[in-house]
Amino acid sequence: MTPYSNPNSGISGYEIGSDYIRIRFSSGKIYTYPVSNIGVNHFNNMVELAQKGEGLNSYIMRNSEVKNGYQ
């Protein structure tokens, strides 16, 4: 898993696959967000935010499709 570069975030790492993004939260819990659940636009936005290292936790909390789209 790639470390999330913002140490003040509630996210500690992420993994990007061809059809999912997996997020490890600071609590240690890991959630997988498949494209089939969250849609391509949310997936692309999450990948961009993960790679930038900012805004990903806020994005997840703001968008109910994403917040409830994990497996």
N, C-alpha and C. Protein backbone atom coordinates (compact mmCIF):
# COMPACT_ATOMS: atom_id res chain seq x y z
N MET A 1 0.84 -1.17 0.00
CA MET A 1 0.00 0.00 0.00
C MET A 1 0.89 1.24 0.00
N THR A 2 0.49 2.24 -0.75
CA THR A 2 1.23 3.49 -0.82
C THR A 2 0.86 4.37 0.37
N PRO A 3 1.84 4.90 1.08
CA PRO A 3 1.52 5.79 2.20
C PRO A 3 0.84 7.07 1.69
N TYR A 4 -0.16 7.51 2.40
CA TYR A 4 -0.83 8.78 2.08
C TYR A 4 0.04 9.89 2.64
N SER A 5 0.35 10.87 1.84
CA SER A 5 1.38 11.85 2.22
C SER A 5 0.93 12.92 3.21
N ASN A 6 -0.34 12.99 3.53
CA ASN A 6 -0.81 13.98 4.49
C ASN A 6 -0.93 13.33 5.87
N PRO A 7 0.00 13.60 6.78
CA PRO A 7 -0.03 12.95 8.09
C PRO A 7 -1.18 13.41 8.98
N ASN A 8 -1.84 14.50 8.64
CA ASN A 8 -2.94 15.03 9.44
C ASN A 8 -4.30 14.52 8.97
N SER A 9 -4.30 13.66 7.99
CA SER A 9 -5.54 13.12 7.44
C SER A 9 -5.96 11.90 8.24
N GLY A 10 -7.19 11.49 8.04
CA GLY A 10 -7.68 10.25 8.64
C GLY A 10 -7.32 9.04 7.80
N ILE A 11 -6.49 9.25 6.78
CA ILE A 11 -6.09 8.19 5.86
C ILE A 11 -4.59 7.96 6.01
N SER A 12 -4.19 6.68 6.04
CA SER A 12 -2.77 6.40 6.16
C SER A 12 -2.16 5.74 4.92
N GLY A 13 -3.01 5.20 4.04
CA GLY A 13 -2.49 4.59 2.82
C GLY A 13 -3.57 4.30 1.81
N TYR A 14 -3.12 3.97 0.60
CA TYR A 14 -4.06 3.66 -0.48
C TYR A 14 -3.40 2.70 -1.46
N GLU A 15 -4.25 2.01 -2.20
CA GLU A 15 -3.82 1.12 -3.28
C GLU A 15 -4.78 1.32 -4.43
N ILE A 16 -4.23 1.53 -5.61
CA ILE A 16 -5.05 1.77 -6.80
C ILE A 16 -4.96 0.56 -7.72
N GLY A 17 -6.11 -0.01 -8.04
CA GLY A 17 -6.19 -1.10 -9.01
C GLY A 17 -6.88 -0.61 -10.26
N SER A 18 -7.02 -1.46 -11.23
CA SER A 18 -7.65 -1.04 -12.49
C SER A 18 -9.13 -0.73 -12.32
N ASP A 19 -9.78 -1.36 -11.33
CA ASP A 19 -11.22 -1.13 -11.15
C ASP A 19 -11.60 -0.92 -9.68
N TYR A 20 -10.65 -0.47 -8.87
CA TYR A 20 -10.93 -0.19 -7.46
C TYR A 20 -9.86 0.73 -6.88
N ILE A 21 -10.22 1.35 -5.77
CA ILE A 21 -9.23 2.02 -4.94
C ILE A 21 -9.46 1.52 -3.52
N ARG A 22 -8.40 1.14 -2.88
CA ARG A 22 -8.46 0.61 -1.52
C ARG A 22 -7.83 1.66 -0.60
N ILE A 23 -8.54 1.98 0.48
CA ILE A 23 -8.10 3.02 1.40
C ILE A 23 -7.87 2.40 2.78
N ARG A 24 -6.71 2.69 3.38
CA ARG A 24 -6.45 2.31 4.76
C ARG A 24 -6.59 3.58 5.61
N PHE A 25 -7.54 3.53 6.52
CA PHE A 25 -7.77 4.67 7.39
C PHE A 25 -6.82 4.60 8.59
N SER A 26 -6.65 5.70 9.26
CA SER A 26 -5.74 5.77 10.41
C SER A 26 -6.12 4.79 11.51
N SER A 27 -7.39 4.40 11.55
CA SER A 27 -7.86 3.42 12.53
C SER A 27 -7.34 2.02 12.25
N GLY A 28 -6.78 1.85 11.02
CA GLY A 28 -6.30 0.53 10.60
C GLY A 28 -7.29 -0.19 9.71
N LYS A 29 -8.53 0.28 9.67
CA LYS A 29 -9.53 -0.35 8.82
C LYS A 29 -9.23 -0.07 7.35
N ILE A 30 -9.46 -1.08 6.52
CA ILE A 30 -9.22 -0.97 5.08
C ILE A 30 -10.54 -1.19 4.36
N TYR A 31 -10.87 -0.26 3.47
CA TYR A 31 -12.10 -0.34 2.68
C TYR A 31 -11.74 -0.31 1.20
N THR A 32 -12.42 -1.14 0.44
CA THR A 32 -12.25 -1.18 -1.01
C THR A 32 -13.46 -0.51 -1.65
N TYR A 33 -13.18 0.42 -2.57
CA TYR A 33 -14.21 1.14 -3.29
C TYR A 33 -14.14 0.74 -4.77
N PRO A 34 -14.98 -0.21 -5.20
CA PRO A 34 -14.94 -0.63 -6.60
C PRO A 34 -15.63 0.39 -7.51
N VAL A 35 -15.11 0.51 -8.71
CA VAL A 35 -15.70 1.41 -9.70
C VAL A 35 -17.18 1.08 -9.90
N SER A 36 -17.52 -0.19 -9.86
CA SER A 36 -18.91 -0.60 -10.08
C SER A 36 -19.85 -0.05 -9.00
N ASN A 37 -19.33 0.26 -7.83
CA ASN A 37 -20.15 0.83 -6.76
C ASN A 37 -20.15 2.35 -6.74
N ILE A 38 -19.02 2.96 -7.06
CA ILE A 38 -18.88 4.41 -6.89
C ILE A 38 -18.93 5.19 -8.21
N GLY A 39 -18.78 4.53 -9.33
CA GLY A 39 -18.79 5.21 -10.62
C GLY A 39 -17.41 5.71 -11.03
N VAL A 40 -17.24 5.87 -12.31
CA VAL A 40 -15.95 6.25 -12.89
C VAL A 40 -15.51 7.64 -12.44
N ASN A 41 -16.43 8.59 -12.39
CA ASN A 41 -16.05 9.96 -12.01
C ASN A 41 -15.52 10.01 -10.58
N HIS A 42 -16.21 9.38 -9.65
CA HIS A 42 -15.73 9.35 -8.27
C HIS A 42 -14.39 8.61 -8.18
N PHE A 43 -14.28 7.51 -8.89
CA PHE A 43 -13.03 6.75 -8.90
C PHE A 43 -11.87 7.62 -9.36
N ASN A 44 -12.05 8.30 -10.48
CA ASN A 44 -10.98 9.16 -11.01
C ASN A 44 -10.64 10.29 -10.05
N ASN A 45 -11.65 10.88 -9.43
CA ASN A 45 -11.40 11.95 -8.45
C ASN A 45 -10.63 11.42 -7.25
N MET A 46 -11.00 10.24 -6.77
CA MET A 46 -10.33 9.66 -5.61
C MET A 46 -8.88 9.31 -5.92
N VAL A 47 -8.63 8.79 -7.10
CA VAL A 47 -7.26 8.47 -7.51
C VAL A 47 -6.41 9.75 -7.53
N GLU A 48 -6.96 10.80 -8.12
CA GLU A 48 -6.24 12.07 -8.19
C GLU A 48 -5.93 12.62 -6.80
N LEU A 49 -6.92 12.60 -5.92
CA LEU A 49 -6.72 13.11 -4.57
C LEU A 49 -5.72 12.25 -3.78
N ALA A 50 -5.80 10.94 -3.96
CA ALA A 50 -4.86 10.04 -3.28
C ALA A 50 -3.43 10.35 -3.71
N GLN A 51 -3.23 10.52 -4.99
CA GLN A 51 -1.89 10.78 -5.50
C GLN A 51 -1.37 12.16 -5.10
N LYS A 52 -2.28 13.13 -4.97
CA LYS A 52 -1.89 14.46 -4.51
C LYS A 52 -1.62 14.48 -3.01
N GLY A 53 -2.26 13.57 -2.29
CA GLY A 53 -2.07 13.51 -0.85
C GLY A 53 -2.86 14.53 -0.07
N GLU A 54 -3.97 14.98 -0.64
CA GLU A 54 -4.80 15.93 0.09
C GLU A 54 -6.25 15.86 -0.37
N GLY A 55 -7.15 15.96 0.60
CA GLY A 55 -8.57 16.07 0.29
C GLY A 55 -9.34 14.77 0.15
N LEU A 56 -8.68 13.63 0.23
CA LEU A 56 -9.36 12.36 -0.02
C LEU A 56 -10.37 12.03 1.08
N ASN A 57 -9.99 12.18 2.33
CA ASN A 57 -10.91 11.87 3.42
C ASN A 57 -12.14 12.78 3.36
N SER A 58 -11.94 14.05 3.11
CA SER A 58 -13.06 14.99 2.99
C SER A 58 -13.96 14.62 1.82
N TYR A 59 -13.36 14.22 0.72
CA TYR A 59 -14.13 13.83 -0.47
C TYR A 59 -15.02 12.64 -0.15
N ILE A 60 -14.46 11.65 0.54
CA ILE A 60 -15.24 10.46 0.89
C ILE A 60 -16.41 10.85 1.79
N MET A 61 -16.16 11.69 2.77
CA MET A 61 -17.21 12.09 3.72
C MET A 61 -18.29 12.96 3.08
N ARG A 62 -17.93 13.75 2.07
CA ARG A 62 -18.88 14.65 1.41
C ARG A 62 -19.79 13.96 0.42
N ASN A 63 -19.39 12.83 -0.11
CA ASN A 63 -20.13 12.18 -1.20
C ASN A 63 -20.72 10.85 -0.72
N SER A 64 -22.04 10.85 -0.54
CA SER A 64 -22.70 9.66 0.01
C SER A 64 -22.53 8.43 -0.89
N GLU A 65 -22.45 8.62 -2.21
CA GLU A 65 -22.24 7.48 -3.11
C GLU A 65 -20.92 6.79 -2.80
N VAL A 66 -19.92 7.60 -2.46
CA VAL A 66 -18.61 7.05 -2.13
C VAL A 66 -18.61 6.51 -0.70
N LYS A 67 -19.10 7.32 0.22
CA LYS A 67 -19.09 6.96 1.63
C LYS A 67 -19.76 5.60 1.87
N ASN A 68 -20.82 5.32 1.11
CA ASN A 68 -21.56 4.07 1.27
C ASN A 68 -21.21 3.04 0.20
N GLY A 69 -20.21 3.33 -0.64
CA GLY A 69 -19.89 2.46 -1.77
C GLY A 69 -18.75 1.49 -1.54
N TYR A 70 -18.32 1.34 -0.31
CA TYR A 70 -17.20 0.46 -0.04
C TYR A 70 -17.65 -0.98 0.11
N GLN A 71 -16.67 -1.87 0.08
CA GLN A 71 -16.92 -3.29 0.31
C GLN A 71 -16.06 -3.73 1.47
